[in-house]
Amino acid sequence: YNIARFTAEDSAAGLPDDDTFERAPRD
Protein backbone atom coordinates (compact mmCIF):
# COMPACT_ATOMS: atom_id res chain seq x y z
CA TYR A 1 0.00 0.00 0.00
CA ASN A 2 2.77 2.44 0.89
CA ILE A 3 4.62 1.69 -2.33
CA ALA A 4 1.42 2.39 -4.26
CA ARG A 5 0.86 5.68 -2.46
CA PHE A 6 4.19 7.07 -3.59
CA THR A 7 4.36 5.55 -7.07
CA ALA A 8 3.55 7.62 -10.14
CA GLU A 9 0.17 7.11 -11.74
CA ASP A 10 0.03 4.78 -14.72
CA SER A 11 -3.07 4.83 -16.91
CA ALA A 12 -2.63 1.12 -17.76
CA ALA A 13 -2.41 -0.02 -14.12
CA GLY A 14 -5.25 -1.93 -12.50
CA LEU A 15 -6.91 -5.31 -12.22
CA PRO A 16 -8.15 -7.00 -15.39
CA ASP A 17 -11.52 -6.04 -16.84
CA ASP A 18 -14.40 -7.90 -15.17
CA ASP A 19 -15.47 -9.65 -18.39
CA THR A 20 -12.05 -11.29 -18.85
CA PHE A 21 -11.93 -13.31 -15.61
CA GLU A 22 -12.34 -17.07 -15.73
CA ARG A 23 -15.24 -17.39 -13.29
CA ALA A 24 -15.64 -21.15 -13.69
CA PRO A 25 -12.12 -22.63 -13.95
CA ARG A 26 -12.06 -26.12 -15.44
CA ASP A 27 -10.16 -29.11 -14.05
PDB file of all heavy atoms in Angstrom:
ATOM      1  N   TYR A   1       0.834  -1.209   0.000  1.00  0.00           N
ATOM      2  CA  TYR A   1       0.000   0.000   0.000  1.00  0.00           C
ATOM      3  C   TYR A   1       0.867   1.257   0.000  1.00  0.00           C
ATOM      4  O   TYR A   1       0.612   2.210  -0.750  1.00  0.00           O
ATOM      5  CB  TYR A   1      -0.909  -0.022   1.222  1.00  0.00           C
ATOM      6  CG  TYR A   1      -1.746   1.223   1.381  1.00  0.00           C
ATOM      7  CD1 TYR A   1      -2.839   1.457   0.551  1.00  0.00           C
ATOM      8  CD2 TYR A   1      -1.435   2.180   2.358  1.00  0.00           C
ATOM      9  CE1 TYR A   1      -3.612   2.600   0.690  1.00  0.00           C
ATOM     10  CE2 TYR A   1      -2.197   3.317   2.496  1.00  0.00           C
ATOM     11  CZ  TYR A   1      -3.280   3.532   1.663  1.00  0.00           C
ATOM     12  OH  TYR A   1      -4.033   4.673   1.803  1.00  0.00           O
ATOM     13  N   ASN A   2       1.915   1.252   0.814  1.00  0.00           N
ATOM     14  CA  ASN A   2       2.774   2.440   0.892  1.00  0.00           C
ATOM     15  C   ASN A   2       3.570   2.653  -0.388  1.00  0.00           C
ATOM     16  O   ASN A   2       3.797   3.793  -0.796  1.00  0.00           O
ATOM     17  CB  ASN A   2       3.721   2.308   2.093  1.00  0.00           C
ATOM     18  CG  ASN A   2       3.000   2.500   3.414  1.00  0.00           C
ATOM     19  OD1 ASN A   2       2.054   3.289   3.506  1.00  0.00           O
ATOM     20  ND2 ASN A   2       3.409   1.760   4.438  1.00  0.00           N
ATOM     21  N   ILE A   3       3.960   1.551  -1.028  1.00  0.00           N
ATOM     22  CA  ILE A   3       4.618   1.693  -2.328  1.00  0.00           C
ATOM     23  C   ILE A   3       3.664   2.325  -3.326  1.00  0.00           C
ATOM     24  O   ILE A   3       4.026   3.233  -4.086  1.00  0.00           O
ATOM     25  CB  ILE A   3       5.111   0.324  -2.826  1.00  0.00           C
ATOM     26  CG1 ILE A   3       6.250  -0.188  -1.951  1.00  0.00           C
ATOM     27  CG2 ILE A   3       5.561   0.403  -4.291  1.00  0.00           C
ATOM     28  CD1 ILE A   3       6.619  -1.636  -2.209  1.00  0.00           C
ATOM     29  N   ALA A   4       2.417   1.849  -3.332  1.00  0.00           N
ATOM     30  CA  ALA A   4       1.422   2.392  -4.264  1.00  0.00           C
ATOM     31  C   ALA A   4       1.176   3.882  -4.021  1.00  0.00           C
ATOM     32  O   ALA A   4       1.038   4.656  -4.979  1.00  0.00           O
ATOM     33  CB  ALA A   4       0.118   1.608  -4.145  1.00  0.00           C
ATOM     34  N   ARG A   5       1.134   4.274  -2.777  1.00  0.00           N
ATOM     35  CA  ARG A   5       0.855   5.685  -2.456  1.00  0.00           C
ATOM     36  C   ARG A   5       1.873   6.624  -3.074  1.00  0.00           C
ATOM     37  O   ARG A   5       1.539   7.756  -3.466  1.00  0.00           O
ATOM     38  CB  ARG A   5       0.842   5.874  -0.942  1.00  0.00           C
ATOM     39  CG  ARG A   5      -0.379   5.306  -0.243  1.00  0.00           C
ATOM     40  CD  ARG A   5      -0.214   5.440   1.266  1.00  0.00           C
ATOM     41  NE  ARG A   5      -0.027   6.827   1.665  1.00  0.00           N
ATOM     42  CZ  ARG A   5       0.706   7.241   2.709  1.00  0.00           C
ATOM     43  NH1 ARG A   5       1.346   6.337   3.437  1.00  0.00           N
ATOM     44  NH2 ARG A   5       0.793   8.513   3.003  1.00  0.00           N
ATOM     45  N   PHE A   6       3.120   6.176  -3.145  1.00  0.00           N
ATOM     46  CA  PHE A   6       4.193   7.067  -3.587  1.00  0.00           C
ATOM     47  C   PHE A   6       4.723   6.732  -4.977  1.00  0.00           C
ATOM     48  O   PHE A   6       5.763   7.235  -5.383  1.00  0.00           O
ATOM     49  CB  PHE A   6       5.335   7.041  -2.561  1.00  0.00           C
ATOM     50  CG  PHE A   6       4.923   7.555  -1.213  1.00  0.00           C
ATOM     51  CD1 PHE A   6       4.690   6.684  -0.160  1.00  0.00           C
ATOM     52  CD2 PHE A   6       4.732   8.914  -1.000  1.00  0.00           C
ATOM     53  CE1 PHE A   6       4.289   7.154   1.082  1.00  0.00           C
ATOM     54  CE2 PHE A   6       4.330   9.391   0.234  1.00  0.00           C
ATOM     55  CZ  PHE A   6       4.114   8.509   1.278  1.00  0.00           C
ATOM     56  N   THR A   7       3.986   5.891  -5.692  1.00  0.00           N
ATOM     57  CA  THR A   7       4.356   5.550  -7.067  1.00  0.00           C
ATOM     58  C   THR A   7       3.591   6.448  -8.035  1.00  0.00           C
ATOM     59  O   THR A   7       2.453   6.838  -7.776  1.00  0.00           O
ATOM     60  CB  THR A   7       4.016   4.072  -7.352  1.00  0.00           C
ATOM     61  OG1 THR A   7       4.793   3.249  -6.484  1.00  0.00           O
ATOM     62  CG2 THR A   7       4.326   3.699  -8.788  1.00  0.00           C
ATOM     63  N   ALA A   8       4.213   6.768  -9.137  1.00  0.00           N
ATOM     64  CA  ALA A   8       3.553   7.620 -10.135  1.00  0.00           C
ATOM     65  C   ALA A   8       2.347   6.908 -10.728  1.00  0.00           C
ATOM     66  O   ALA A   8       2.305   5.681 -10.836  1.00  0.00           O
ATOM     67  CB  ALA A   8       4.550   7.965 -11.235  1.00  0.00           C
ATOM     68  N   GLU A   9       1.350   7.693 -11.102  1.00  0.00           N
ATOM     69  CA  GLU A   9       0.170   7.115 -11.738  1.00  0.00           C
ATOM     70  C   GLU A   9       0.525   6.528 -13.097  1.00  0.00           C
ATOM     71  O   GLU A   9       1.394   7.021 -13.811  1.00  0.00           O
ATOM     72  CB  GLU A   9      -0.914   8.178 -11.908  1.00  0.00           C
ATOM     73  CG  GLU A   9      -1.598   8.573 -10.613  1.00  0.00           C
ATOM     74  CD  GLU A   9      -2.883   9.351 -10.860  1.00  0.00           C
ATOM     75  OE1 GLU A   9      -3.188   9.604 -12.043  1.00  0.00           O
ATOM     76  OE2 GLU A   9      -3.565   9.685  -9.878  1.00  0.00           O
ATOM     77  N   ASP A  10      -0.165   5.451 -13.437  1.00  0.00           N
ATOM     78  CA  ASP A  10       0.031   4.777 -14.719  1.00  0.00           C
ATOM     79  C   ASP A  10      -1.354   4.430 -15.252  1.00  0.00           C
ATOM     80  O   ASP A  10      -2.100   3.662 -14.644  1.00  0.00           O
ATOM     81  CB  ASP A  10       0.864   3.513 -14.527  1.00  0.00           C
ATOM     82  CG  ASP A  10       1.228   2.839 -15.838  1.00  0.00           C
ATOM     83  OD1 ASP A  10       0.516   3.043 -16.835  1.00  0.00           O
ATOM     84  OD2 ASP A  10       2.224   2.093 -15.863  1.00  0.00           O
ATOM     85  N   SER A  11      -1.710   4.999 -16.385  1.00  0.00           N
ATOM     86  CA  SER A  11      -3.067   4.826 -16.912  1.00  0.00           C
ATOM     87  C   SER A  11      -3.399   3.371 -17.241  1.00  0.00           C
ATOM     88  O   SER A  11      -4.571   2.991 -17.308  1.00  0.00           O
ATOM     89  CB  SER A  11      -3.245   5.683 -18.170  1.00  0.00           C
ATOM     90  OG  SER A  11      -2.320   5.298 -19.176  1.00  0.00           O
ATOM     91  N   ALA A  12      -2.390   2.522 -17.423  1.00  0.00           N
ATOM     92  CA  ALA A  12      -2.631   1.116 -17.756  1.00  0.00           C
ATOM     93  C   ALA A  12      -2.701   0.231 -16.521  1.00  0.00           C
ATOM     94  O   ALA A  12      -3.018  -0.958 -16.629  1.00  0.00           O
ATOM     95  CB  ALA A  12      -1.536   0.606 -18.691  1.00  0.00           C
ATOM     96  N   ALA A  13      -2.421   0.785 -15.343  1.00  0.00           N
ATOM     97  CA  ALA A  13      -2.407  -0.020 -14.119  1.00  0.00           C
ATOM     98  C   ALA A  13      -3.827  -0.389 -13.702  1.00  0.00           C
ATOM     99  O   ALA A  13      -4.784   0.340 -13.972  1.00  0.00           O
ATOM    100  CB  ALA A  13      -1.707   0.739 -13.008  1.00  0.00           C
ATOM    101  N   GLY A  14      -3.956  -1.509 -13.024  1.00  0.00           N
ATOM    102  CA  GLY A  14      -5.253  -1.928 -12.502  1.00  0.00           C
ATOM    103  C   GLY A  14      -5.514  -3.394 -12.734  1.00  0.00           C
ATOM    104  O   GLY A  14      -4.841  -4.063 -13.527  1.00  0.00           O
ATOM    105  N   LEU A  15      -6.507  -3.919 -12.025  1.00  0.00           N
ATOM    106  CA  LEU A  15      -6.914  -5.306 -12.215  1.00  0.00           C
ATOM    107  C   LEU A  15      -7.494  -5.509 -13.614  1.00  0.00           C
ATOM    108  O   LEU A  15      -7.899  -4.542 -14.279  1.00  0.00           O
ATOM    109  CB  LEU A  15      -7.959  -5.690 -11.167  1.00  0.00           C
ATOM    110  CG  LEU A  15      -7.470  -5.796  -9.713  1.00  0.00           C
ATOM    111  CD1 LEU A  15      -8.651  -6.125  -8.800  1.00  0.00           C
ATOM    112  CD2 LEU A  15      -6.380  -6.844  -9.583  1.00  0.00           C
ATOM    113  N   PRO A  16      -7.552  -6.732 -14.083  1.00  0.00           N
ATOM    114  CA  PRO A  16      -8.147  -7.003 -15.393  1.00  0.00           C
ATOM    115  C   PRO A  16      -9.615  -6.563 -15.448  1.00  0.00           C
ATOM    116  O   PRO A  16     -10.284  -6.396 -14.422  1.00  0.00           O
ATOM    117  CB  PRO A  16      -8.033  -8.525 -15.527  1.00  0.00           C
ATOM    118  CG  PRO A  16      -6.897  -8.903 -14.631  1.00  0.00           C
ATOM    119  CD  PRO A  16      -6.974  -7.944 -13.478  1.00  0.00           C
ATOM    120  N   ASP A  17     -10.114  -6.369 -16.660  1.00  0.00           N
ATOM    121  CA  ASP A  17     -11.525  -6.040 -16.844  1.00  0.00           C
ATOM    122  C   ASP A  17     -12.390  -7.202 -16.366  1.00  0.00           C
ATOM    123  O   ASP A  17     -12.042  -8.379 -16.526  1.00  0.00           O
ATOM    124  CB  ASP A  17     -11.816  -5.767 -18.322  1.00  0.00           C
ATOM    125  CG  ASP A  17     -11.027  -4.569 -18.848  1.00  0.00           C
ATOM    126  OD1 ASP A  17     -10.687  -3.682 -18.034  1.00  0.00           O
ATOM    127  OD2 ASP A  17     -10.732  -4.547 -20.057  1.00  0.00           O
ATOM    128  N   ASP A  18     -13.544  -6.873 -15.777  1.00  0.00           N
ATOM    129  CA  ASP A  18     -14.402  -7.897 -15.174  1.00  0.00           C
ATOM    130  C   ASP A  18     -14.799  -8.996 -16.158  1.00  0.00           C
ATOM    131  O   ASP A  18     -14.937 -10.163 -15.772  1.00  0.00           O
ATOM    132  CB  ASP A  18     -15.668  -7.253 -14.595  1.00  0.00           C
ATOM    133  CG  ASP A  18     -15.378  -6.463 -13.322  1.00  0.00           C
ATOM    134  OD1 ASP A  18     -14.257  -6.595 -12.793  1.00  0.00           O
ATOM    135  OD2 ASP A  18     -16.268  -5.723 -12.872  1.00  0.00           O
ATOM    136  N   ASP A  19     -14.995  -8.656 -17.423  1.00  0.00           N
ATOM    137  CA  ASP A  19     -15.472  -9.655 -18.386  1.00  0.00           C
ATOM    138  C   ASP A  19     -14.377 -10.600 -18.874  1.00  0.00           C
ATOM    139  O   ASP A  19     -14.646 -11.498 -19.671  1.00  0.00           O
ATOM    140  CB  ASP A  19     -16.144  -8.972 -19.573  1.00  0.00           C
ATOM    141  CG  ASP A  19     -15.198  -8.078 -20.362  1.00  0.00           C
ATOM    142  OD1 ASP A  19     -14.056  -7.834 -19.885  1.00  0.00           O
ATOM    143  OD2 ASP A  19     -15.566  -7.626 -21.463  1.00  0.00           O
ATOM    144  N   THR A  20     -13.139 -10.413 -18.404  1.00  0.00           N
ATOM    145  CA  THR A  20     -12.055 -11.292 -18.846  1.00  0.00           C
ATOM    146  C   THR A  20     -11.732 -12.400 -17.842  1.00  0.00           C
ATOM    147  O   THR A  20     -11.009 -13.335 -18.173  1.00  0.00           O
ATOM    148  CB  THR A  20     -10.772 -10.488 -19.112  1.00  0.00           C
ATOM    149  OG1 THR A  20     -10.291  -9.915 -17.884  1.00  0.00           O
ATOM    150  CG2 THR A  20     -11.013  -9.391 -20.127  1.00  0.00           C
ATOM    151  N   PHE A  21     -12.253 -12.308 -16.627  1.00  0.00           N
ATOM    152  CA  PHE A  21     -11.932 -13.307 -15.610  1.00  0.00           C
ATOM    153  C   PHE A  21     -12.540 -14.669 -15.948  1.00  0.00           C
ATOM    154  O   PHE A  21     -13.655 -14.751 -16.486  1.00  0.00           O
ATOM    155  CB  PHE A  21     -12.449 -12.870 -14.232  1.00  0.00           C
ATOM    156  CG  PHE A  21     -11.677 -11.729 -13.628  1.00  0.00           C
ATOM    157  CD1 PHE A  21     -12.321 -10.540 -13.308  1.00  0.00           C
ATOM    158  CD2 PHE A  21     -10.324 -11.846 -13.367  1.00  0.00           C
ATOM    159  CE1 PHE A  21     -11.622  -9.481 -12.749  1.00  0.00           C
ATOM    160  CE2 PHE A  21      -9.622 -10.798 -12.807  1.00  0.00           C
ATOM    161  CZ  PHE A  21     -10.261  -9.608 -12.498  1.00  0.00           C
ATOM    162  N   GLU A  22     -11.808 -15.718 -15.597  1.00  0.00           N
ATOM    163  CA  GLU A  22     -12.338 -17.071 -15.730  1.00  0.00           C
ATOM    164  C   GLU A  22     -13.112 -17.393 -14.456  1.00  0.00           C
ATOM    165  O   GLU A  22     -12.520 -17.772 -13.441  1.00  0.00           O
ATOM    166  CB  GLU A  22     -11.199 -18.065 -15.944  1.00  0.00           C
ATOM    167  CG  GLU A  22     -11.639 -19.511 -16.056  1.00  0.00           C
ATOM    168  CD  GLU A  22     -12.697 -19.735 -17.111  1.00  0.00           C
ATOM    169  OE1 GLU A  22     -12.335 -19.956 -18.280  1.00  0.00           O
ATOM    170  OE2 GLU A  22     -13.895 -19.665 -16.748  1.00  0.00           O
ATOM    171  N   ARG A  23     -14.424 -17.231 -14.494  1.00  0.00           N
ATOM    172  CA  ARG A  23     -15.243 -17.390 -13.292  1.00  0.00           C
ATOM    173  C   ARG A  23     -15.539 -18.852 -12.965  1.00  0.00           C
ATOM    174  O   ARG A  23     -15.930 -19.160 -11.839  1.00  0.00           O
ATOM    175  CB  ARG A  23     -16.565 -16.636 -13.469  1.00  0.00           C
ATOM    176  CG  ARG A  23     -16.405 -15.144 -13.734  1.00  0.00           C
ATOM    177  CD  ARG A  23     -15.957 -14.400 -12.492  1.00  0.00           C
ATOM    178  NE  ARG A  23     -15.885 -12.948 -12.719  1.00  0.00           N
ATOM    179  CZ  ARG A  23     -15.544 -12.059 -11.792  1.00  0.00           C
ATOM    180  NH1 ARG A  23     -15.258 -12.479 -10.572  1.00  0.00           N
ATOM    181  NH2 ARG A  23     -15.498 -10.773 -12.088  1.00  0.00           N
ATOM    182  N   ALA A  24     -15.371 -19.727 -13.933  1.00  0.00           N
ATOM    183  CA  ALA A  24     -15.643 -21.154 -13.690  1.00  0.00           C
ATOM    184  C   ALA A  24     -14.461 -21.978 -14.195  1.00  0.00           C
ATOM    185  O   ALA A  24     -14.549 -22.658 -15.228  1.00  0.00           O
ATOM    186  CB  ALA A  24     -16.936 -21.578 -14.379  1.00  0.00           C
ATOM    187  N   PRO A  25     -13.327 -21.921 -13.498  1.00  0.00           N
ATOM    188  CA  PRO A  25     -12.124 -22.634 -13.954  1.00  0.00           C
ATOM    189  C   PRO A  25     -12.366 -24.125 -14.109  1.00  0.00           C
ATOM    190  O   PRO A  25     -13.013 -24.758 -13.271  1.00  0.00           O
ATOM    191  CB  PRO A  25     -11.103 -22.359 -12.836  1.00  0.00           C
ATOM    192  CG  PRO A  25     -11.595 -21.112 -12.158  1.00  0.00           C
ATOM    193  CD  PRO A  25     -13.089 -21.183 -12.238  1.00  0.00           C
ATOM    194  N   ARG A  26     -11.880 -24.691 -15.180  1.00  0.00           N
ATOM    195  CA  ARG A  26     -12.059 -26.120 -15.439  1.00  0.00           C
ATOM    196  C   ARG A  26     -10.907 -26.928 -14.844  1.00  0.00           C
ATOM    197  O   ARG A  26      -9.805 -26.414 -14.638  1.00  0.00           O
ATOM    198  CB  ARG A  26     -12.171 -26.361 -16.947  1.00  0.00           C
ATOM    199  CG  ARG A  26     -10.939 -25.990 -17.734  1.00  0.00           C
ATOM    200  CD  ARG A  26     -11.224 -25.938 -19.233  1.00  0.00           C
ATOM    201  NE  ARG A  26     -11.852 -24.670 -19.592  1.00  0.00           N
ATOM    202  CZ  ARG A  26     -12.255 -24.371 -20.831  1.00  0.00           C
ATOM    203  NH1 ARG A  26     -12.143 -25.264 -21.795  1.00  0.00           N
ATOM    204  NH2 ARG A  26     -12.796 -23.199 -21.093  1.00  0.00           N
ATOM    205  N   ASP A  27     -11.179 -28.198 -14.576  1.00  0.00           N
ATOM    206  CA  ASP A  27     -10.164 -29.109 -14.051  1.00  0.00           C
ATOM    207  C   ASP A  27      -9.392 -29.705 -15.228  1.00  0.00           C
ATOM    208  O   ASP A  27      -9.965 -30.419 -16.058  1.00  0.00           O
ATOM    209  CB  ASP A  27     -10.830 -30.217 -13.238  1.00  0.00           C
ATOM    210  CG  ASP A  27      -9.825 -31.219 -12.658  1.00  0.00           C
ATOM    211  OD1 ASP A  27      -8.610 -30.984 -12.798  1.00  0.00           O
ATOM    212  OD2 ASP A  27     -10.268 -32.221 -12.076  1.00  0.00           O
TER     213      ASP A  27
END
